[in-house]
Amino acid sequence: MTIPPLIVTLVLGGIAGWLASLIVGGSGGIIRNVIIGLIGAVVGHFVLGAVGLRLGGPFVHSMVAAVLGGVIVIVAGRFVGR
Protein backbone atom coordinates (compact mmCIF):
# COMPACT_ATOMS: atom_id res chain seq x y z
CA MET A 1 0.00 0.00 0.00
CA THR A 2 1.45 3.35 -0.98
CA ILE A 3 0.63 6.79 0.30
CA PRO A 4 -0.36 9.24 -2.44
CA PRO A 5 2.29 11.94 -2.90
CA LEU A 6 -0.27 14.73 -2.48
CA ILE A 7 -1.15 13.55 1.02
CA VAL A 8 2.53 13.32 1.97
CA THR A 9 3.13 16.82 0.60
CA LEU A 10 0.20 18.27 2.57
CA VAL A 11 1.25 16.55 5.81
CA LEU A 12 4.88 17.68 5.49
CA GLY A 13 3.72 21.18 4.54
CA GLY A 14 1.56 21.26 7.67
CA ILE A 15 4.47 20.16 9.84
CA ALA A 16 6.79 22.75 8.27
CA GLY A 17 4.21 25.53 8.71
CA TRP A 18 3.60 24.50 12.31
CA LEU A 19 7.34 24.53 13.06
CA ALA A 20 7.71 27.94 11.41
CA SER A 21 4.87 29.34 13.51
CA LEU A 22 6.51 27.94 16.65
CA ILE A 23 9.77 29.67 15.76
CA VAL A 24 8.33 33.14 15.13
CA GLY A 25 5.24 32.82 17.28
CA GLY A 26 1.93 32.68 15.58
CA SER A 27 -1.43 31.10 15.67
CA GLY A 28 -3.63 29.49 13.11
CA GLY A 29 -5.17 26.22 12.22
CA ILE A 30 -4.08 23.28 10.17
CA ILE A 31 -5.08 24.92 6.87
CA ARG A 32 -2.95 28.00 7.61
CA ASN A 33 0.00 25.78 8.59
CA VAL A 34 -0.26 23.77 5.37
CA ILE A 35 -0.43 26.93 3.26
CA ILE A 36 2.53 28.50 5.09
CA GLY A 37 4.51 25.26 4.73
CA LEU A 38 3.81 24.88 1.01
CA ILE A 39 4.54 28.52 0.16
CA GLY A 40 7.51 28.40 2.52
CA ALA A 41 8.93 25.39 0.69
CA VAL A 42 9.00 27.32 -2.56
CA VAL A 43 10.51 30.41 -0.92
CA GLY A 44 13.02 28.37 1.11
CA HIS A 45 14.24 26.35 -1.87
CA PHE A 46 14.67 29.57 -3.84
CA VAL A 47 16.64 31.23 -1.02
CA LEU A 48 18.85 28.20 -0.32
CA GLY A 49 19.43 27.71 -4.04
CA ALA A 50 20.37 31.36 -4.51
CA VAL A 51 22.86 31.13 -1.64
CA GLY A 52 24.14 27.76 -2.86
CA LEU A 53 23.44 25.80 0.32
CA ARG A 54 22.62 22.11 0.31
CA LEU A 55 21.79 20.69 3.74
CA GLY A 56 21.89 16.94 4.38
CA GLY A 57 19.86 14.52 2.34
CA PRO A 58 16.84 15.37 0.23
CA PHE A 59 14.31 15.04 3.07
CA VAL A 60 16.33 17.10 5.56
CA HIS A 61 17.08 19.75 2.96
CA SER A 62 13.42 20.01 1.95
CA MET A 63 12.18 20.27 5.54
CA VAL A 64 14.79 22.88 6.48
CA ALA A 65 13.96 24.85 3.33
CA ALA A 66 10.22 24.68 4.03
CA VAL A 67 10.61 25.77 7.66
CA LEU A 68 13.04 28.57 6.75
CA GLY A 69 10.75 29.72 3.96
CA GLY A 70 7.77 29.52 6.30
CA VAL A 71 9.52 31.79 8.77
CA ILE A 72 10.29 34.24 5.95
CA VAL A 73 6.66 34.15 4.74
CA ILE A 74 5.26 34.76 8.25
CA VAL A 75 7.66 37.62 8.96
CA ALA A 76 7.03 39.18 5.52
CA GLY A 77 3.29 38.85 6.06
CA ARG A 78 3.52 40.64 9.37
CA PHE A 79 5.65 43.37 7.84
CA VAL A 80 3.24 43.92 4.93
CA GLY A 81 0.22 43.76 7.24
CA ARG A 82 1.37 46.75 9.29
C-alpha atoms as a PDB file:
ATOM      1  CA  MET A   1       0.000   0.000   0.000  1.00  0.00           C
ATOM      2  CA  THR A   2       1.452   3.353  -0.983  1.00  0.00           C
ATOM      3  CA  ILE A   3       0.627   6.793   0.303  1.00  0.00           C
ATOM      4  CA  PRO A   4      -0.364   9.237  -2.435  1.00  0.00           C
ATOM      5  CA  PRO A   5       2.291  11.940  -2.898  1.00  0.00           C
ATOM      6  CA  LEU A   6      -0.273  14.735  -2.482  1.00  0.00           C
ATOM      7  CA  ILE A   7      -1.155  13.554   1.020  1.00  0.00           C
ATOM      8  CA  VAL A   8       2.530  13.321   1.973  1.00  0.00           C
ATOM      9  CA  THR A   9       3.126  16.825   0.603  1.00  0.00           C
ATOM     10  CA  LEU A  10       0.203  18.268   2.570  1.00  0.00           C
ATOM     11  CA  VAL A  11       1.246  16.555   5.810  1.00  0.00           C
ATOM     12  CA  LEU A  12       4.881  17.679   5.488  1.00  0.00           C
ATOM     13  CA  GLY A  13       3.717  21.180   4.540  1.00  0.00           C
ATOM     14  CA  GLY A  14       1.560  21.256   7.670  1.00  0.00           C
ATOM     15  CA  ILE A  15       4.471  20.163   9.841  1.00  0.00           C
ATOM     16  CA  ALA A  16       6.792  22.754   8.268  1.00  0.00           C
ATOM     17  CA  GLY A  17       4.206  25.526   8.705  1.00  0.00           C
ATOM     18  CA  TRP A  18       3.596  24.496  12.308  1.00  0.00           C
ATOM     19  CA  LEU A  19       7.340  24.533  13.063  1.00  0.00           C
ATOM     20  CA  ALA A  20       7.713  27.937  11.410  1.00  0.00           C
ATOM     21  CA  SER A  21       4.868  29.345  13.508  1.00  0.00           C
ATOM     22  CA  LEU A  22       6.505  27.939  16.646  1.00  0.00           C
ATOM     23  CA  ILE A  23       9.773  29.673  15.762  1.00  0.00           C
ATOM     24  CA  VAL A  24       8.333  33.141  15.127  1.00  0.00           C
ATOM     25  CA  GLY A  25       5.237  32.819  17.282  1.00  0.00           C
ATOM     26  CA  GLY A  26       1.934  32.682  15.578  1.00  0.00           C
ATOM     27  CA  SER A  27      -1.434  31.096  15.669  1.00  0.00           C
ATOM     28  CA  GLY A  28      -3.631  29.490  13.107  1.00  0.00           C
ATOM     29  CA  GLY A  29      -5.166  26.222  12.216  1.00  0.00           C
ATOM     30  CA  ILE A  30      -4.079  23.282  10.166  1.00  0.00           C
ATOM     31  CA  ILE A  31      -5.082  24.925   6.874  1.00  0.00           C
ATOM     32  CA  ARG A  32      -2.946  27.997   7.613  1.00  0.00           C
ATOM     33  CA  ASN A  33       0.003  25.785   8.589  1.00  0.00           C
ATOM     34  CA  VAL A  34      -0.256  23.768   5.372  1.00  0.00           C
ATOM     35  CA  ILE A  35      -0.432  26.926   3.260  1.00  0.00           C
ATOM     36  CA  ILE A  36       2.525  28.500   5.085  1.00  0.00           C
ATOM     37  CA  GLY A  37       4.509  25.261   4.732  1.00  0.00           C
ATOM     38  CA  LEU A  38       3.808  24.884   1.008  1.00  0.00           C
ATOM     39  CA  ILE A  39       4.542  28.516   0.156  1.00  0.00           C
ATOM     40  CA  GLY A  40       7.509  28.398   2.519  1.00  0.00           C
ATOM     41  CA  ALA A  41       8.926  25.386   0.695  1.00  0.00           C
ATOM     42  CA  VAL A  42       9.002  27.320  -2.564  1.00  0.00           C
ATOM     43  CA  VAL A  43      10.514  30.407  -0.920  1.00  0.00           C
ATOM     44  CA  GLY A  44      13.017  28.372   1.106  1.00  0.00           C
ATOM     45  CA  HIS A  45      14.236  26.349  -1.866  1.00  0.00           C
ATOM     46  CA  PHE A  46      14.666  29.571  -3.844  1.00  0.00           C
ATOM     47  CA  VAL A  47      16.643  31.228  -1.020  1.00  0.00           C
ATOM     48  CA  LEU A  48      18.848  28.205  -0.322  1.00  0.00           C
ATOM     49  CA  GLY A  49      19.429  27.711  -4.042  1.00  0.00           C
ATOM     50  CA  ALA A  50      20.374  31.362  -4.514  1.00  0.00           C
ATOM     51  CA  VAL A  51      22.858  31.129  -1.639  1.00  0.00           C
ATOM     52  CA  GLY A  52      24.140  27.764  -2.859  1.00  0.00           C
ATOM     53  CA  LEU A  53      23.442  25.803   0.319  1.00  0.00           C
ATOM     54  CA  ARG A  54      22.625  22.109   0.306  1.00  0.00           C
ATOM     55  CA  LEU A  55      21.791  20.693   3.741  1.00  0.00           C
ATOM     56  CA  GLY A  56      21.892  16.945   4.383  1.00  0.00           C
ATOM     57  CA  GLY A  57      19.863  14.516   2.345  1.00  0.00           C
ATOM     58  CA  PRO A  58      16.840  15.368   0.228  1.00  0.00           C
ATOM     59  CA  PHE A  59      14.312  15.040   3.072  1.00  0.00           C
ATOM     60  CA  VAL A  60      16.326  17.101   5.564  1.00  0.00           C
ATOM     61  CA  HIS A  61      17.082  19.751   2.958  1.00  0.00           C
ATOM     62  CA  SER A  62      13.423  20.009   1.946  1.00  0.00           C
ATOM     63  CA  MET A  63      12.178  20.273   5.537  1.00  0.00           C
ATOM     64  CA  VAL A  64      14.788  22.879   6.479  1.00  0.00           C
ATOM     65  CA  ALA A  65      13.963  24.852   3.328  1.00  0.00           C
ATOM     66  CA  ALA A  66      10.218  24.680   4.033  1.00  0.00           C
ATOM     67  CA  VAL A  67      10.608  25.774   7.659  1.00  0.00           C
ATOM     68  CA  LEU A  68      13.043  28.565   6.750  1.00  0.00           C
ATOM     69  CA  GLY A  69      10.755  29.716   3.961  1.00  0.00           C
ATOM     70  CA  GLY A  70       7.766  29.518   6.299  1.00  0.00           C
ATOM     71  CA  VAL A  71       9.522  31.793   8.772  1.00  0.00           C
ATOM     72  CA  ILE A  72      10.292  34.237   5.946  1.00  0.00           C
ATOM     73  CA  VAL A  73       6.663  34.146   4.743  1.00  0.00           C
ATOM     74  CA  ILE A  74       5.259  34.759   8.247  1.00  0.00           C
ATOM     75  CA  VAL A  75       7.664  37.624   8.956  1.00  0.00           C
ATOM     76  CA  ALA A  76       7.026  39.179   5.520  1.00  0.00           C
ATOM     77  CA  GLY A  77       3.286  38.847   6.060  1.00  0.00           C
ATOM     78  CA  ARG A  78       3.521  40.637   9.374  1.00  0.00           C
ATOM     79  CA  PHE A  79       5.654  43.370   7.843  1.00  0.00           C
ATOM     80  CA  VAL A  80       3.242  43.917   4.934  1.00  0.00           C
ATOM     81  CA  GLY A  81       0.217  43.763   7.238  1.00  0.00           C
ATOM     82  CA  ARG A  82       1.370  46.754   9.290  1.00  0.00           C
END
